[in-house]
Protein backbone atom coordinates (compact mmCIF):
# COMPACT_ATOMS: atom_id res chain seq x y z
CA MET A 1 -3.93 -14.78 -46.14
CA ASP A 2 -3.44 -15.40 -43.23
CA ILE A 3 -3.28 -12.82 -40.20
CA ALA A 4 -1.37 -14.56 -36.72
CA PRO A 5 -3.33 -14.45 -33.55
CA ASN A 6 -0.13 -11.87 -31.89
CA ALA A 7 0.80 -10.34 -35.90
CA ALA A 8 1.92 -6.67 -34.84
CA LEU A 9 0.14 -3.15 -36.44
CA VAL A 10 3.58 -0.85 -36.54
CA VAL A 11 1.29 2.74 -37.29
CA VAL A 12 4.02 4.48 -38.78
CA ASP A 13 4.49 8.75 -38.01
CA VAL A 14 0.68 9.25 -38.99
CA GLN A 15 1.81 13.01 -37.41
CA GLN A 16 0.18 16.09 -37.27
CA GLY A 17 2.96 17.73 -39.50
CA PHE A 18 2.09 15.99 -42.65
CA GLU A 19 -0.71 17.95 -42.91
CA GLU A 20 1.24 21.15 -43.41
CA PRO A 21 1.59 22.17 -46.98
CA PHE A 22 5.33 21.73 -46.49
CA TRP A 23 5.21 18.88 -48.44
CA GLY A 24 3.58 19.62 -51.42
CA PRO A 25 0.59 17.31 -52.60
CA ARG A 26 -0.11 14.28 -51.59
CA ASN A 27 -1.72 10.89 -53.05
CA ASN A 28 -4.28 8.47 -51.65
CA PRO A 29 -6.68 11.20 -49.37
CA SER A 30 -8.60 7.72 -47.62
CA ALA A 31 -5.62 6.75 -46.01
CA ASP A 32 -6.20 8.10 -42.52
CA GLU A 33 -9.61 6.16 -42.78
CA ASN A 34 -8.39 3.21 -43.42
CA ILE A 35 -5.17 3.66 -40.62
CA ALA A 36 -8.26 4.19 -38.60
CA ALA A 37 -9.95 1.13 -39.07
CA LEU A 38 -7.15 -0.97 -38.76
CA ILE A 39 -6.08 0.18 -35.77
CA ALA A 40 -9.40 -0.19 -34.27
CA ALA A 41 -8.98 -3.97 -35.73
CA TRP A 42 -5.98 -4.63 -34.59
CA GLN A 43 -7.12 -2.99 -30.70
CA GLU A 44 -10.71 -4.96 -31.22
CA THR A 45 -8.86 -8.38 -31.49
CA GLY A 46 -6.47 -8.27 -29.10
CA ARG A 47 -3.19 -7.73 -31.38
CA PRO A 48 -0.36 -5.52 -30.58
CA VAL A 49 -0.27 -2.05 -32.00
CA VAL A 50 3.24 0.01 -32.36
CA PHE A 51 2.81 3.75 -33.17
CA VAL A 52 5.74 5.09 -34.31
CA ARG A 53 6.73 8.84 -34.31
CA HIS A 54 9.06 10.80 -36.37
CA ASP A 55 11.70 13.16 -33.81
CA SER A 56 13.04 15.41 -36.42
CA SER A 57 16.31 16.45 -35.64
CA LYS A 58 16.04 18.98 -38.00
CA PRO A 59 15.17 22.90 -37.16
CA GLU A 60 12.50 23.54 -39.84
CA SER A 61 10.69 20.36 -40.29
CA PRO A 62 7.05 19.87 -39.42
CA LEU A 63 7.77 16.61 -36.97
CA ARG A 64 10.57 18.10 -34.84
CA PRO A 65 9.89 17.97 -30.58
CA GLY A 66 8.53 20.77 -29.20
CA TYR A 67 6.42 21.70 -32.35
CA ALA A 68 2.34 20.84 -32.63
CA GLY A 69 3.21 19.21 -35.71
CA ASN A 70 5.10 16.07 -33.78
CA ASP A 71 1.97 15.01 -32.22
CA PHE A 72 0.12 12.21 -34.07
CA LYS A 73 -2.69 13.19 -35.39
CA LYS A 74 -6.25 13.14 -33.55
CA TYR A 75 -7.61 10.14 -34.44
CA VAL A 76 -4.61 7.98 -33.49
CA GLU A 77 -3.76 9.94 -30.51
CA GLU A 78 -7.43 8.93 -29.54
CA ARG A 79 -6.37 5.26 -30.11
CA ARG A 80 -3.83 4.98 -28.17
CA GLY A 81 -4.16 2.60 -25.03
CA LEU A 82 -7.98 1.26 -25.99
CA GLY A 83 -6.63 -2.07 -27.02
CA SER A 84 -7.03 -4.97 -24.81
CA GLY A 85 -3.22 -6.54 -26.72
CA PRO A 86 0.42 -5.04 -26.07
CA GLU A 87 0.48 -1.19 -27.43
CA LEU A 88 4.95 0.04 -27.55
CA LEU A 89 5.80 3.45 -28.86
CA VAL A 90 8.84 3.29 -30.34
CA THR A 91 10.14 7.38 -31.47
CA LYS A 92 12.89 7.46 -34.24
CA THR A 93 14.72 10.33 -36.05
CA VAL A 94 15.77 8.09 -39.36
CA ASN A 95 13.55 6.20 -42.06
CA SER A 96 13.38 2.56 -39.79
CA ALA A 97 11.26 2.06 -37.20
CA PHE A 98 13.66 -1.10 -35.92
CA TYR A 99 16.03 2.29 -35.49
CA GLY A 100 14.10 3.73 -32.92
CA SER A 101 14.11 3.55 -29.01
CA PRO A 102 13.22 0.98 -28.14
CA ASP A 103 14.71 -1.83 -30.05
CA LEU A 104 11.61 -2.84 -31.66
CA ASP A 105 13.08 -5.98 -33.22
CA ALA A 106 13.89 -7.03 -29.44
CA TRP A 107 10.27 -6.02 -28.58
CA PHE A 108 9.09 -8.52 -31.42
CA LYS A 109 11.38 -11.42 -30.17
CA ALA A 110 10.52 -11.28 -26.59
CA ALA A 111 6.60 -11.30 -27.84
CA GLY A 112 7.07 -14.12 -30.26
CA ILE A 113 6.05 -12.15 -33.43
CA ARG A 114 7.24 -13.31 -36.21
CA GLN A 115 4.58 -10.94 -38.73
CA PHE A 116 3.68 -7.58 -38.39
CA ALA A 117 1.51 -4.75 -40.91
CA VAL A 118 3.29 -1.83 -41.47
CA THR A 119 1.17 0.96 -42.50
CA GLY A 120 1.24 4.92 -41.96
CA ILE A 121 3.34 8.15 -43.51
CA GLN A 122 5.33 8.23 -46.03
CA THR A 123 4.45 5.44 -48.22
CA ASN A 124 8.16 5.64 -50.24
CA MET A 125 10.09 6.76 -46.87
CA CYS A 126 9.92 5.69 -43.71
CA VAL A 127 6.82 2.98 -44.64
CA GLU A 128 9.24 1.71 -46.90
CA THR A 129 12.10 1.49 -45.06
CA THR A 130 10.60 0.10 -42.17
CA ALA A 131 9.04 -2.80 -44.71
CA ARG A 132 12.48 -3.34 -46.52
CA MET A 133 14.03 -3.88 -42.55
CA GLY A 134 11.31 -6.19 -41.74
CA GLY A 135 11.81 -8.59 -44.07
CA ASN A 136 15.66 -8.39 -44.38
CA LEU A 137 15.30 -9.24 -40.27
CA GLY A 138 13.08 -12.18 -41.42
CA TYR A 139 9.78 -10.87 -40.30
CA GLU A 140 6.42 -11.69 -42.70
CA VAL A 141 5.72 -8.05 -43.46
CA LEU A 142 2.62 -7.26 -44.89
CA LEU A 143 1.92 -3.71 -47.02
CA PRO A 144 -1.55 -2.79 -47.07
CA LEU A 145 -0.80 0.12 -49.36
CA ASP A 146 -3.72 1.83 -49.69
CA ALA A 147 -3.13 2.70 -45.49
CA THR A 148 -0.36 4.58 -46.38
CA HIS A 149 0.22 7.70 -48.08
CA THR A 150 3.02 10.12 -49.82
CA PHE A 151 3.83 13.26 -51.35
CA ASP A 152 5.01 14.32 -54.54
CA LEU A 153 8.85 14.55 -54.67
CA ALA A 154 11.34 15.93 -57.34
CA GLY A 155 15.00 14.10 -57.40
CA PRO A 156 18.32 14.60 -59.65
CA PHE A 157 18.41 15.55 -63.20
CA GLY A 158 15.52 17.17 -63.17
CA TRP A 159 13.13 13.87 -62.15
CA HIS A 160 9.99 14.71 -60.82
CA ARG A 161 7.40 11.59 -59.83
CA SER A 162 4.20 12.19 -58.77
CA ALA A 163 2.67 10.96 -55.08
CA ASP A 164 1.08 8.18 -56.97
CA GLU A 165 4.44 6.92 -59.46
CA LEU A 166 5.92 7.08 -56.30
CA ALA A 167 3.38 4.66 -54.23
CA ARG A 168 3.54 2.65 -57.49
CA ALA A 169 7.27 2.22 -57.16
CA THR A 170 7.57 1.31 -53.71
CA ALA A 171 4.53 -1.45 -53.70
CA VAL A 172 6.00 -2.99 -57.21
CA SER A 173 9.72 -2.99 -55.32
CA LEU A 174 8.44 -4.45 -51.81
CA HIS A 175 6.26 -6.99 -53.39
CA GLY A 176 8.67 -7.33 -56.60
CA GLY A 177 11.18 -7.60 -54.40
CA GLY A 178 9.96 -10.58 -52.14
CA PHE A 179 10.42 -7.79 -48.63
CA ALA A 180 6.83 -7.86 -47.87
CA THR A 181 2.94 -8.79 -49.17
CA VAL A 182 1.47 -5.88 -50.94
CA VAL A 183 -2.02 -6.27 -49.98
CA THR A 184 -5.64 -3.55 -49.53
CA THR A 185 -6.91 -2.43 -46.44
CA ALA A 186 -9.95 -4.05 -47.09
CA ALA A 187 -8.46 -7.43 -47.22
CA LEU A 188 -6.22 -7.00 -44.09
CA LEU A 189 -9.12 -6.30 -42.01
CA ALA A 190 -11.65 -9.64 -43.35
CA ALA A 191 -8.18 -11.64 -42.62
CA CYS A 192 -7.66 -9.89 -38.66
CA ARG A 193 -11.27 -10.17 -37.88
């Protein structure tokens, strides 16, 4: 796998509010460690890092502005500003980082960025939506699945899927559908360094 010298890392919604019981059971307990390792590797190699924060408009959401859950998790906040490469903060109220402020697509185009890796929370929600839109916009998207996590979810008709089942479905849909290449954190770190 080739990682461009200016490939961006997009860190989606790694916020304190996702630690709350509100969400239910989660998968992949190693996600935070893998996300931290990717941020460090990107910063150490001078590549651009985009930190995305979800500012929920729902008054009961643990991710609403003005509530502690809106803040980035400590390990993310402590890494902000440490890299020698460009850094961007995007805030959003919907699932895609491409519908946030400032305009991520415009920032990528201005910097000549054609490739990005997307990591964060939730695998099947904001990470997947950002990856799909990136693929639709013509970017080469890499998804280190083990640097994401999600939660169990209930759907229509009494259907229920576990976090692991949802993560696998995201990986199959994105990879099999040509939106992104699903990889491991270890492979991405090796290629980055």
